[in-house]
Amino acid sequence: MTSIHAMPGHLVRRLHQISTSIFADRMGAAGHDVTPVQYAALATLAEHPGIDQATLAGLIAYDRVTIGGVVDRLEAKGLVERAVNDRDRRSRVVKLTGAGEALATELAPIVAGLQEDMLAGLLPEERTQLLKLLEKAADAGNSLSRAPLVLPPAEGS
């Protein structure tokens, strides 16, 4: 029988624990109360302003029901605002407020800087290889997820 310490699910969970801990420590040190998912939403809205919540959920591979709570918390912090979608009055679009734009800009270098710490102990070429393999595994299993990643169509498509 294989030890759980050699199982991919256990190792992925441990790496997630480590990355979440590092993220929380860095955000706290910078004086911010932002979770990894909240940051993903802010960064995605900075890249795709005025998208609806369902699209936001797909772009960060988060389930549609839970993304509503994430957006609620960001709205309560004054970082995003929702408006009726002009193209589909049943849905709402989400966009960053000025404070949300400023925070996304401020946090981007912090988040970029902590990426290497998540893979401390790996040589640069090992980090590159691991990231390629993680991306390959995530892509291969995307359809098995309860919240699959849904990328926008390429421009010109």
C-alpha atoms as a PDB file:
ATOM      1  CA  MET A   1       0.000   0.000   0.000  1.00  0.00           C
ATOM      2  CA  THR A   2       1.304   3.452  -0.935  1.00  0.00           C
ATOM      3  CA  SER A   3       1.851   5.924   1.889  1.00  0.00           C
ATOM      4  CA  ILE A   4      -0.426   8.943   1.717  1.00  0.00           C
ATOM      5  CA  HIS A   5       2.752  11.042   1.690  1.00  0.00           C
ATOM      6  CA  ALA A   6       3.476   9.766  -1.822  1.00  0.00           C
ATOM      7  CA  MET A   7      -0.070  10.250  -3.161  1.00  0.00           C
ATOM      8  CA  PRO A   8      -0.706  13.156  -5.549  1.00  0.00           C
ATOM      9  CA  GLY A   9      -3.883  14.238  -3.765  1.00  0.00           C
ATOM     10  CA  HIS A  10      -2.108  14.499  -0.420  1.00  0.00           C
ATOM     11  CA  LEU A  11       0.868  16.345  -1.911  1.00  0.00           C
ATOM     12  CA  VAL A  12      -1.369  18.775  -3.804  1.00  0.00           C
ATOM     13  CA  ARG A  13      -3.343  19.425  -0.599  1.00  0.00           C
ATOM     14  CA  ARG A  14      -0.116  20.055   1.348  1.00  0.00           C
ATOM     15  CA  LEU A  15       1.206  22.417  -1.304  1.00  0.00           C
ATOM     16  CA  HIS A  16      -2.143  24.212  -1.226  1.00  0.00           C
ATOM     17  CA  GLN A  17      -1.867  24.551   2.573  1.00  0.00           C
ATOM     18  CA  ILE A  18       1.631  25.952   2.212  1.00  0.00           C
ATOM     19  CA  SER A  19       0.678  28.383  -0.541  1.00  0.00           C
ATOM     20  CA  THR A  20      -2.403  29.584   1.355  1.00  0.00           C
ATOM     21  CA  SER A  21      -0.336  30.122   4.500  1.00  0.00           C
ATOM     22  CA  ILE A  22       2.331  32.089   2.645  1.00  0.00           C
ATOM     23  CA  PHE A  23      -0.352  34.159   0.898  1.00  0.00           C
ATOM     24  CA  ALA A  24      -2.128  34.963   4.178  1.00  0.00           C
ATOM     25  CA  ASP A  25       1.138  35.869   5.905  1.00  0.00           C
ATOM     26  CA  ARG A  26       2.185  38.234   3.102  1.00  0.00           C
ATOM     27  CA  MET A  27      -1.238  39.871   2.846  1.00  0.00           C
ATOM     28  CA  GLY A  28      -1.324  40.334   6.625  1.00  0.00           C
ATOM     29  CA  ALA A  29       2.182  41.823   6.627  1.00  0.00           C
ATOM     30  CA  ALA A  30       1.070  44.251   3.910  1.00  0.00           C
ATOM     31  CA  GLY A  31      -1.988  45.171   6.007  1.00  0.00           C
ATOM     32  CA  HIS A  32      -4.587  43.549   3.768  1.00  0.00           C
ATOM     33  CA  ASP A  33      -7.362  41.078   4.499  1.00  0.00           C
ATOM     34  CA  VAL A  34      -7.621  39.409   1.092  1.00  0.00           C
ATOM     35  CA  THR A  35      -7.906  35.693   0.375  1.00  0.00           C
ATOM     36  CA  PRO A  36      -6.336  33.963  -2.632  1.00  0.00           C
ATOM     37  CA  VAL A  37      -9.761  33.646  -4.291  1.00  0.00           C
ATOM     38  CA  GLN A  38     -10.553  37.300  -3.647  1.00  0.00           C
ATOM     39  CA  TYR A  39      -7.227  38.262  -5.202  1.00  0.00           C
ATOM     40  CA  ALA A  40      -7.955  36.000  -8.196  1.00  0.00           C
ATOM     41  CA  ALA A  41     -11.290  37.780  -8.632  1.00  0.00           C
ATOM     42  CA  LEU A  42      -9.680  41.240  -8.360  1.00  0.00           C
ATOM     43  CA  ALA A  43      -6.902  40.369 -10.818  1.00  0.00           C
ATOM     44  CA  THR A  44      -9.377  38.827 -13.258  1.00  0.00           C
ATOM     45  CA  LEU A  45     -11.713  41.812 -13.070  1.00  0.00           C
ATOM     46  CA  ALA A  46      -8.737  44.083 -13.720  1.00  0.00           C
ATOM     47  CA  GLU A  47      -8.088  42.110 -16.924  1.00  0.00           C
ATOM     48  CA  HIS A  48     -11.768  41.695 -17.883  1.00  0.00           C
ATOM     49  CA  PRO A  49     -13.756  44.663 -16.563  1.00  0.00           C
ATOM     50  CA  GLY A  50     -17.521  44.425 -16.647  1.00  0.00           C
ATOM     51  CA  ILE A  51     -17.885  40.649 -16.934  1.00  0.00           C
ATOM     52  CA  ASP A  52     -20.777  38.817 -15.354  1.00  0.00           C
ATOM     53  CA  GLN A  53     -20.389  36.658 -12.257  1.00  0.00           C
ATOM     54  CA  ALA A  54     -20.745  33.400 -14.199  1.00  0.00           C
ATOM     55  CA  THR A  55     -17.889  34.411 -16.507  1.00  0.00           C
ATOM     56  CA  LEU A  56     -15.791  35.464 -13.513  1.00  0.00           C
ATOM     57  CA  ALA A  57     -16.417  32.074 -11.916  1.00  0.00           C
ATOM     58  CA  GLY A  58     -15.331  30.285 -15.098  1.00  0.00           C
ATOM     59  CA  LEU A  59     -12.192  32.371 -15.510  1.00  0.00           C
ATOM     60  CA  ILE A  60     -10.947  31.527 -12.020  1.00  0.00           C
ATOM     61  CA  ALA A  61     -12.358  27.975 -11.949  1.00  0.00           C
ATOM     62  CA  TYR A  62     -14.657  28.659  -9.015  1.00  0.00           C
ATOM     63  CA  ASP A  63     -18.207  27.398  -8.674  1.00  0.00           C
ATOM     64  CA  ARG A  64     -20.956  29.848  -9.595  1.00  0.00           C
ATOM     65  CA  VAL A  65     -22.777  29.641  -6.274  1.00  0.00           C
ATOM     66  CA  THR A  66     -19.733  30.388  -4.139  1.00  0.00           C
ATOM     67  CA  ILE A  67     -18.463  33.200  -6.374  1.00  0.00           C
ATOM     68  CA  GLY A  68     -21.528  35.176  -5.317  1.00  0.00           C
ATOM     69  CA  GLY A  69     -20.258  35.183  -1.723  1.00  0.00           C
ATOM     70  CA  VAL A  70     -16.781  36.214  -2.880  1.00  0.00           C
ATOM     71  CA  VAL A  71     -18.252  39.122  -4.845  1.00  0.00           C
ATOM     72  CA  ASP A  72     -20.495  40.017  -1.878  1.00  0.00           C
ATOM     73  CA  ARG A  73     -17.427  40.308   0.386  1.00  0.00           C
ATOM     74  CA  LEU A  74     -15.490  42.342  -2.178  1.00  0.00           C
ATOM     75  CA  GLU A  75     -18.502  44.618  -2.633  1.00  0.00           C
ATOM     76  CA  ALA A  76     -18.814  45.074   1.153  1.00  0.00           C
ATOM     77  CA  LYS A  77     -15.143  46.135   1.201  1.00  0.00           C
ATOM     78  CA  GLY A  78     -15.884  48.716  -1.512  1.00  0.00           C
ATOM     79  CA  LEU A  79     -13.630  46.962  -4.040  1.00  0.00           C
ATOM     80  CA  VAL A  80     -16.204  45.958  -6.655  1.00  0.00           C
ATOM     81  CA  GLU A  81     -19.614  47.073  -7.791  1.00  0.00           C
ATOM     82  CA  ARG A  82     -22.363  45.252  -9.614  1.00  0.00           C
ATOM     83  CA  ALA A  83     -24.717  46.620 -12.241  1.00  0.00           C
ATOM     84  CA  VAL A  84     -27.454  45.192 -14.416  1.00  0.00           C
ATOM     85  CA  ASN A  85     -26.043  43.701 -17.607  1.00  0.00           C
ATOM     86  CA  ASP A  86     -27.229  45.793 -20.562  1.00  0.00           C
ATOM     87  CA  ARG A  87     -27.120  42.725 -22.843  1.00  0.00           C
ATOM     88  CA  ASP A  88     -28.987  40.421 -20.446  1.00  0.00           C
ATOM     89  CA  ARG A  89     -31.097  42.203 -17.836  1.00  0.00           C
ATOM     90  CA  ARG A  90     -31.301  38.982 -15.777  1.00  0.00           C
ATOM     91  CA  SER A  91     -27.584  39.006 -15.017  1.00  0.00           C
ATOM     92  CA  ARG A  92     -25.247  41.439 -13.341  1.00  0.00           C
ATOM     93  CA  VAL A  93     -21.853  42.633 -14.456  1.00  0.00           C
ATOM     94  CA  VAL A  94     -19.054  43.160 -11.966  1.00  0.00           C
ATOM     95  CA  LYS A  95     -16.342  45.760 -12.160  1.00  0.00           C
ATOM     96  CA  LEU A  96     -13.637  47.098  -9.896  1.00  0.00           C
ATOM     97  CA  THR A  97     -14.152  50.355  -8.088  1.00  0.00           C
ATOM     98  CA  GLY A  98     -11.299  52.859  -7.947  1.00  0.00           C
ATOM     99  CA  ALA A  99     -10.280  51.331  -4.623  1.00  0.00           C
ATOM    100  CA  GLY A 100     -10.424  47.857  -6.182  1.00  0.00           C
ATOM    101  CA  GLU A 101      -8.227  48.925  -9.093  1.00  0.00           C
ATOM    102  CA  ALA A 102      -5.710  50.491  -6.709  1.00  0.00           C
ATOM    103  CA  LEU A 103      -5.650  47.380  -4.502  1.00  0.00           C
ATOM    104  CA  ALA A 104      -5.234  45.004  -7.452  1.00  0.00           C
ATOM    105  CA  THR A 105      -2.292  47.108  -8.647  1.00  0.00           C
ATOM    106  CA  GLU A 106      -0.755  47.230  -5.159  1.00  0.00           C
ATOM    107  CA  LEU A 107      -1.137  43.487  -4.565  1.00  0.00           C
ATOM    108  CA  ALA A 108       0.156  42.279  -7.943  1.00  0.00           C
ATOM    109  CA  PRO A 109       3.876  42.598  -7.077  1.00  0.00           C
ATOM    110  CA  ILE A 110       3.310  41.079  -3.629  1.00  0.00           C
ATOM    111  CA  VAL A 111       1.582  38.061  -5.161  1.00  0.00           C
ATOM    112  CA  ALA A 112       4.258  37.786  -7.863  1.00  0.00           C
ATOM    113  CA  GLY A 113       6.956  37.862  -5.197  1.00  0.00           C
ATOM    114  CA  LEU A 114       5.500  35.100  -3.072  1.00  0.00           C
ATOM    115  CA  GLN A 115       5.285  32.627  -5.957  1.00  0.00           C
ATOM    116  CA  GLU A 116       8.929  31.583  -5.610  1.00  0.00           C
ATOM    117  CA  ASP A 117       8.518  31.063  -1.867  1.00  0.00           C
ATOM    118  CA  MET A 118       5.762  28.546  -2.554  1.00  0.00           C
ATOM    119  CA  LEU A 119       8.285  26.415  -4.389  1.00  0.00           C
ATOM    120  CA  ALA A 120      11.242  27.018  -2.104  1.00  0.00           C
ATOM    121  CA  GLY A 121      13.731  24.193  -2.286  1.00  0.00           C
ATOM    122  CA  LEU A 122      13.333  23.710  -6.020  1.00  0.00           C
ATOM    123  CA  LEU A 123      15.932  24.818  -8.507  1.00  0.00           C
ATOM    124  CA  PRO A 124      14.692  27.286 -11.156  1.00  0.00           C
ATOM    125  CA  GLU A 125      14.541  24.575 -13.831  1.00  0.00           C
ATOM    126  CA  GLU A 126      12.662  22.283 -11.423  1.00  0.00           C
ATOM    127  CA  ARG A 127      10.125  25.056 -10.767  1.00  0.00           C
ATOM    128  CA  THR A 128       9.603  25.472 -14.497  1.00  0.00           C
ATOM    129  CA  GLN A 129       9.172  21.731 -14.947  1.00  0.00           C
ATOM    130  CA  LEU A 130       6.780  21.428 -11.998  1.00  0.00           C
ATOM    131  CA  LEU A 131       4.634  24.300 -13.255  1.00  0.00           C
ATOM    132  CA  LYS A 132       4.431  22.743 -16.725  1.00  0.00           C
ATOM    133  CA  LEU A 133       3.431  19.390 -15.220  1.00  0.00           C
ATOM    134  CA  LEU A 134       0.868  20.973 -12.878  1.00  0.00           C
ATOM    135  CA  GLU A 135      -0.643  22.879 -15.804  1.00  0.00           C
ATOM    136  CA  LYS A 136      -0.742  19.687 -17.885  1.00  0.00           C
ATOM    137  CA  ALA A 137      -2.426  17.733 -15.071  1.00  0.00           C
ATOM    138  CA  ALA A 138      -4.928  20.546 -14.399  1.00  0.00           C
ATOM    139  CA  ASP A 139      -5.772  20.812 -18.094  1.00  0.00           C
ATOM    140  CA  ALA A 140      -6.232  17.048 -18.368  1.00  0.00           C
ATOM    141  CA  GLY A 141      -8.546  16.945 -15.346  1.00  0.00           C
ATOM    142  CA  ASN A 142     -10.433  20.172 -16.023  1.00  0.00           C
ATOM    143  CA  SER A 143     -13.559  18.421 -17.283  1.00  0.00           C
ATOM    144  CA  LEU A 144     -13.672  16.333 -14.089  1.00  0.00           C
ATOM    145  CA  SER A 145     -13.870  19.426 -11.874  1.00  0.00           C
ATOM    146  CA  ARG A 146     -17.075  20.701 -10.321  1.00  0.00           C
ATOM    147  CA  ALA A 147     -15.802  24.172 -11.245  1.00  0.00           C
ATOM    148  CA  PRO A 148     -13.927  23.839 -14.527  1.00  0.00           C
ATOM    149  CA  LEU A 149     -11.742  26.593 -15.865  1.00  0.00           C
ATOM    150  CA  VAL A 150     -13.485  28.306 -18.778  1.00  0.00           C
ATOM    151  CA  LEU A 151     -11.191  30.536 -20.797  1.00  0.00           C
ATOM    152  CA  PRO A 152     -12.577  33.331 -22.943  1.00  0.00           C
ATOM    153  CA  PRO A 153     -12.392  32.858 -26.706  1.00  0.00           C
ATOM    154  CA  ALA A 154      -9.145  34.091 -28.231  1.00  0.00           C
ATOM    155  CA  GLU A 155      -9.391  37.478 -29.847  1.00  0.00           C
ATOM    156  CA  GLY A 156     -10.208  37.173 -33.507  1.00  0.00           C
ATOM    157  CA  SER A 157     -11.890  33.765 -33.010  1.00  0.00           C
END
